[in-house]
N, C-alpha and C. Protein backbone atom coordinates (compact mmCIF):
# COMPACT_ATOMS: atom_id res chain seq x y z
N MET A 1 89.39 30.83 75.95
CA MET A 1 88.34 31.25 76.82
C MET A 1 87.67 31.95 75.60
N ASP A 2 88.01 32.98 74.75
CA ASP A 2 87.09 33.93 73.81
C ASP A 2 85.95 32.68 73.44
N VAL A 3 86.53 31.74 73.10
CA VAL A 3 85.48 30.69 72.12
C VAL A 3 84.55 30.40 72.86
N MET A 4 84.83 30.14 74.28
CA MET A 4 83.89 29.73 75.51
C MET A 4 82.53 30.87 75.52
N MET A 5 82.98 31.86 75.41
CA MET A 5 82.33 33.50 75.95
C MET A 5 81.29 33.40 74.46
N TYR A 6 82.26 33.08 73.45
CA TYR A 6 80.96 33.15 72.57
C TYR A 6 80.76 32.15 72.24
N LEU A 7 80.49 31.03 72.78
CA LEU A 7 79.64 29.56 72.69
C LEU A 7 78.33 29.87 73.60
N PHE A 8 78.81 30.68 75.15
CA PHE A 8 77.78 30.75 75.66
C PHE A 8 76.66 31.60 75.93
N LEU A 9 77.62 32.77 74.63
CA LEU A 9 76.77 34.00 74.39
C LEU A 9 75.85 33.37 73.32
N ALA A 10 76.20 32.52 72.11
CA ALA A 10 75.12 31.93 71.45
C ALA A 10 74.38 31.10 71.97
N ALA A 11 74.52 30.00 73.07
CA ALA A 11 73.78 29.25 74.07
C ALA A 11 72.36 29.81 74.64
N LEU A 12 73.19 31.50 74.93
CA LEU A 12 72.08 31.96 75.55
C LEU A 12 71.13 32.82 74.54
N LEU A 13 71.45 33.63 73.82
CA LEU A 13 71.05 34.53 72.98
C LEU A 13 69.87 33.79 71.87
N ILE A 14 70.16 32.38 71.54
CA ILE A 14 69.74 31.67 70.37
C ILE A 14 68.23 31.20 70.99
N PRO A 15 68.34 30.68 72.37
CA PRO A 15 66.64 30.17 72.38
C PRO A 15 66.14 30.98 73.11
N ALA A 16 66.95 32.20 73.60
CA ALA A 16 65.81 33.47 74.28
C ALA A 16 65.27 34.20 73.10
N ASN A 17 65.80 34.21 72.12
CA ASN A 17 65.18 34.84 70.78
C ASN A 17 64.23 34.18 70.20
N ILE A 18 64.82 32.37 70.18
CA ILE A 18 63.39 31.83 69.80
C ILE A 18 62.37 31.90 70.50
N TYR A 19 62.59 32.23 71.75
CA TYR A 19 61.35 31.95 72.79
C TYR A 19 60.31 33.20 72.88
N VAL A 20 61.21 34.09 72.71
CA VAL A 20 60.46 35.73 72.47
C VAL A 20 59.60 35.85 71.57
N ILE A 21 60.17 34.95 70.36
CA ILE A 21 59.24 35.52 68.89
C ILE A 21 58.37 34.50 69.46
N LYS A 22 58.40 33.26 69.78
CA LYS A 22 57.19 32.17 69.91
C LYS A 22 56.20 32.85 70.85
N TRP A 23 56.92 33.22 71.81
CA TRP A 23 55.41 33.75 72.93
C TRP A 23 55.02 35.24 72.44
N HIS A 24 55.64 36.04 71.61
CA HIS A 24 55.00 37.14 70.79
C HIS A 24 53.97 36.66 70.02
N ARG A 25 54.41 35.69 69.10
CA ARG A 25 53.45 35.05 68.10
C ARG A 25 51.80 34.71 68.53
N SER A 26 52.36 33.48 69.74
CA SER A 26 51.11 33.23 70.48
C SER A 26 50.45 34.07 71.59
N GLY A 27 50.48 35.56 71.42
CA GLY A 27 50.07 36.31 72.02
C GLY A 27 50.09 36.36 73.70
N SER A 28 51.12 35.28 74.11
CA SER A 28 50.81 35.53 75.34
C SER A 28 52.04 36.28 75.92
N PHE A 29 52.54 37.29 75.23
CA PHE A 29 53.96 38.02 75.65
C PHE A 29 54.17 39.05 74.86
N PRO A 30 54.27 40.36 74.90
CA PRO A 30 54.01 41.36 74.27
C PRO A 30 55.67 41.44 73.82
N LEU A 31 56.17 41.39 72.67
CA LEU A 31 57.85 41.70 72.43
C LEU A 31 58.13 42.83 72.85
N LEU A 32 57.64 44.37 72.86
CA LEU A 32 57.96 45.08 73.76
C LEU A 32 58.34 45.20 75.37
N VAL A 33 57.74 44.22 76.01
CA VAL A 33 58.30 43.94 77.28
C VAL A 33 59.38 42.86 77.43
N SER A 34 59.18 41.91 76.72
CA SER A 34 60.48 40.79 76.68
C SER A 34 61.81 41.68 75.92
N GLY A 35 61.60 42.70 75.28
CA GLY A 35 62.67 43.15 75.02
C GLY A 35 63.44 44.09 76.42
N ILE A 36 61.93 44.39 77.33
CA ILE A 36 62.75 45.54 78.24
C ILE A 36 63.49 44.58 79.24
N ILE A 37 62.82 42.99 79.02
CA ILE A 37 63.24 42.43 80.69
C ILE A 37 64.83 41.75 79.77
N LEU A 38 64.56 41.51 78.41
CA LEU A 38 66.23 40.91 78.03
C LEU A 38 67.17 41.94 78.58
N ALA A 39 66.71 43.74 77.92
CA ALA A 39 67.97 44.26 78.38
C ALA A 39 68.24 44.73 79.43
N VAL A 40 67.21 44.68 80.91
CA VAL A 40 67.73 44.71 81.94
C VAL A 40 68.78 43.85 82.52
N LEU A 41 68.16 42.36 82.20
CA LEU A 41 69.09 41.14 82.56
C LEU A 41 70.21 41.03 81.63
N GLY A 42 70.32 41.64 80.55
CA GLY A 42 71.42 41.54 79.99
C GLY A 42 72.71 42.77 80.63
N VAL A 43 72.18 43.25 81.63
CA VAL A 43 73.47 44.33 82.26
C VAL A 43 73.91 43.61 83.51
N GLY A 44 72.74 42.63 83.97
CA GLY A 44 72.85 41.70 85.40
C GLY A 44 73.92 40.95 84.97
N LEU A 45 73.65 40.48 83.45
CA LEU A 45 74.32 39.20 82.99
C LEU A 45 75.77 39.29 82.77
N GLY A 46 75.99 40.56 82.45
CA GLY A 46 77.44 41.06 82.31
C GLY A 46 78.25 41.31 83.49
N PHE A 47 77.47 41.56 84.45
CA PHE A 47 78.24 41.73 85.61
C PHE A 47 78.86 40.22 86.49
N THR A 48 77.62 39.43 86.10
CA THR A 48 77.78 38.24 86.39
C THR A 48 78.95 37.45 85.99
N VAL A 49 79.09 37.16 84.34
CA VAL A 49 80.06 36.84 83.71
C VAL A 49 81.45 37.45 84.03
N GLY A 50 81.35 38.85 84.23
CA GLY A 50 82.50 39.49 84.86
C GLY A 50 83.09 39.15 86.22
N GLY A 51 82.31 38.89 86.76
CA GLY A 51 82.66 38.16 88.06
C GLY A 51 83.06 37.01 88.15
N ILE A 52 82.41 36.05 87.24
CA ILE A 52 82.97 34.58 87.08
C ILE A 52 84.59 34.57 86.39
N VAL A 53 84.86 35.38 85.97
CA VAL A 53 85.47 35.50 84.91
C VAL A 53 86.79 36.06 85.22
N MET A 54 86.54 37.33 86.18
CA MET A 54 87.67 37.94 87.15
C MET A 54 88.26 37.36 88.03
N GLY A 55 87.31 36.82 89.03
CA GLY A 55 87.73 35.76 90.32
C GLY A 55 88.78 36.50 91.35
N PRO A 56 88.80 36.09 92.30
CA PRO A 56 89.79 36.51 93.04
C PRO A 56 91.23 36.13 92.94
N GLY A 57 91.97 36.72 92.63
CA GLY A 57 93.74 36.59 92.67
C GLY A 57 94.07 36.57 91.27
N ASN A 58 93.21 37.08 90.11
CA ASN A 58 93.14 36.65 89.00
C ASN A 58 93.02 38.43 88.33
N SER A 59 93.83 39.03 87.06
CA SER A 59 93.66 40.27 86.86
C SER A 59 91.96 40.08 86.35
N GLY A 60 92.45 39.52 85.22
CA GLY A 60 91.38 38.90 84.17
C GLY A 60 90.74 40.15 83.12
N HIS A 61 91.92 41.16 82.54
CA HIS A 61 91.13 42.30 82.01
C HIS A 61 91.08 41.39 80.17
N GLY A 62 91.05 40.33 79.99
CA GLY A 62 90.47 40.36 78.77
C GLY A 62 89.42 39.55 79.26
N GLY A 63 89.00 38.94 80.30
CA GLY A 63 87.72 38.31 80.78
C GLY A 63 86.82 39.54 80.78
N ALA A 64 87.43 40.78 81.92
CA ALA A 64 86.45 41.80 81.98
C ALA A 64 86.11 42.55 80.73
N LEU A 65 86.69 42.49 79.35
CA LEU A 65 86.51 42.71 78.04
C LEU A 65 85.65 42.07 77.69
N MET A 66 85.61 40.96 77.73
CA MET A 66 84.90 39.98 76.91
C MET A 66 83.51 39.99 77.72
N ALA A 67 83.27 39.87 79.47
CA ALA A 67 82.11 40.13 79.94
C ALA A 67 81.12 41.54 79.51
N ALA A 68 81.81 42.68 79.50
CA ALA A 68 81.65 43.88 78.93
C ALA A 68 80.91 43.57 77.65
N PHE A 69 81.57 42.78 76.56
CA PHE A 69 81.19 42.43 75.49
C PHE A 69 79.52 41.90 75.43
N VAL A 70 79.61 41.10 76.60
CA VAL A 70 78.45 39.99 76.37
C VAL A 70 77.10 40.91 76.91
N GLY A 71 77.40 41.58 78.31
CA GLY A 71 76.64 42.39 78.68
C GLY A 71 76.12 43.63 77.57
N ILE A 72 77.17 44.11 76.71
CA ILE A 72 76.62 45.07 75.51
C ILE A 72 75.72 44.53 74.71
N PHE A 73 76.08 43.36 74.26
CA PHE A 73 75.53 42.53 73.24
C PHE A 73 74.11 42.16 73.29
N ILE A 74 74.20 41.87 74.83
CA ILE A 74 72.45 41.09 75.14
C ILE A 74 71.60 42.35 75.24
N VAL A 75 71.92 43.50 76.06
CA VAL A 75 71.43 44.99 75.89
C VAL A 75 71.01 45.20 74.48
N ALA A 76 72.09 45.55 73.81
CA ALA A 76 71.44 45.84 72.27
C ALA A 76 70.56 44.74 71.68
N ASN A 77 70.09 43.47 71.79
CA ASN A 77 69.57 42.15 71.69
C ASN A 77 68.08 42.80 72.07
N GLY A 78 68.05 43.21 73.28
CA GLY A 78 66.73 43.78 74.19
C GLY A 78 66.40 44.52 73.52
N LEU A 79 66.99 45.49 73.20
CA LEU A 79 66.60 47.39 72.64
C LEU A 79 66.39 46.78 71.30
N ILE A 80 66.91 45.94 70.52
CA ILE A 80 66.09 45.59 69.14
C ILE A 80 64.73 45.19 69.07
N HIS A 81 64.44 44.23 69.93
CA HIS A 81 63.32 43.64 70.50
C HIS A 81 62.41 44.84 71.27
N VAL A 82 62.52 45.68 71.58
CA VAL A 82 61.87 46.89 72.26
C VAL A 82 61.56 47.74 70.73
N PHE A 83 62.52 48.35 70.04
CA PHE A 83 62.17 48.86 69.21
C PHE A 83 61.05 47.85 67.91
N ALA A 84 61.67 47.05 67.87
CA ALA A 84 60.65 46.21 66.74
C ALA A 84 59.11 46.02 67.50
N GLY A 85 59.14 46.00 68.40
CA GLY A 85 57.82 45.94 69.80
C GLY A 85 57.10 47.36 69.74
N LEU A 86 57.76 48.17 69.74
CA LEU A 86 57.18 49.80 69.52
C LEU A 86 56.70 49.63 68.25
N ASN A 87 57.73 49.61 66.92
CA ASN A 87 56.91 49.35 65.42
C ASN A 87 55.72 48.36 65.09
N TYR A 88 55.70 47.47 66.07
CA TYR A 88 54.68 46.32 65.73
C TYR A 88 53.90 47.05 66.44
N ASP A 89 53.65 47.10 67.63
CA ASP A 89 52.65 47.90 68.15
C ASP A 89 52.21 49.03 67.09
N ARG A 90 52.79 50.03 67.11
CA ARG A 90 52.18 51.20 66.08
C ARG A 90 51.50 50.45 64.66
N GLU A 91 52.24 49.77 64.06
CA GLU A 91 51.48 49.04 62.90
C GLU A 91 49.99 48.41 63.28
N ALA A 92 50.42 47.62 64.41
CA ALA A 92 48.82 46.85 64.74
C ALA A 92 48.12 48.04 64.93
N GLN A 93 48.22 48.96 65.69
CA GLN A 93 47.41 50.37 66.16
C GLN A 93 46.51 50.56 65.08
N THR A 94 47.80 51.27 63.75
CA THR A 94 47.04 51.72 62.49
C THR A 94 46.06 50.50 61.78
N TYR A 95 46.74 49.42 61.89
CA TYR A 95 45.53 48.82 61.24
C TYR A 95 44.09 48.17 62.04
N ILE A 96 44.22 48.54 63.46
CA ILE A 96 43.17 48.36 63.75
C ILE A 96 42.49 49.72 63.92
N ASP A 97 42.93 50.46 63.85
CA ASP A 97 42.26 51.81 63.47
C ASP A 97 41.69 51.94 61.57
N PHE A 98 42.29 51.51 61.15
CA PHE A 98 41.57 51.49 59.55
C PHE A 98 40.45 50.64 59.67
N THR A 99 40.44 49.44 60.27
CA THR A 99 39.44 48.37 60.12
C THR A 99 38.19 48.25 60.81
N ASN A 100 38.49 49.07 61.88
CA ASN A 100 36.94 49.33 63.47
C ASN A 100 36.28 50.45 62.90
N ARG A 101 36.38 51.25 61.73
CA ARG A 101 35.73 52.48 61.27
C ARG A 101 34.17 51.73 61.04
N GLU A 102 33.17 52.66 61.31
CA GLU A 102 31.29 52.46 60.78
C GLU A 102 31.74 53.17 59.52
N GLU A 103 30.61 52.39 58.86
CA GLU A 103 30.27 52.63 57.70
C GLU A 103 29.74 54.08 57.15
N GLY A 104 29.03 54.90 58.14
CA GLY A 104 28.23 55.81 58.24
C GLY A 104 29.16 56.94 58.43
N VAL A 105 30.25 56.97 58.93
CA VAL A 105 31.19 58.13 58.98
C VAL A 105 31.96 59.00 58.12
N HIS A 106 32.04 58.31 56.53
CA HIS A 106 32.78 58.87 55.43
C HIS A 106 31.71 59.13 54.55
N GLY A 107 30.65 58.82 54.67
CA GLY A 107 29.23 59.01 53.46
C GLY A 107 29.11 60.20 53.69
């Protein structure tokens, strides 16, 4: 059961990260927003996995722990994207500020 959950986590996060980076590089979707969406959806996905694993009539303590792990891991992945997006936006803003100066300002 643990192996199935790890494979589920990998099958979910690897394509999600690839598409987030691809969309960010093409300029169609900001990294900050995709990180927020991923963090919010991670909570819902953790609850969904917990509901599926714990099923009615099953104590499912191990499944509940695994579902919590999946949720926390996806939220942490989303927060990494959020912080990377904040850092990227800050660096892009600094880059824009230095390159758009008029020539007569410093002279």
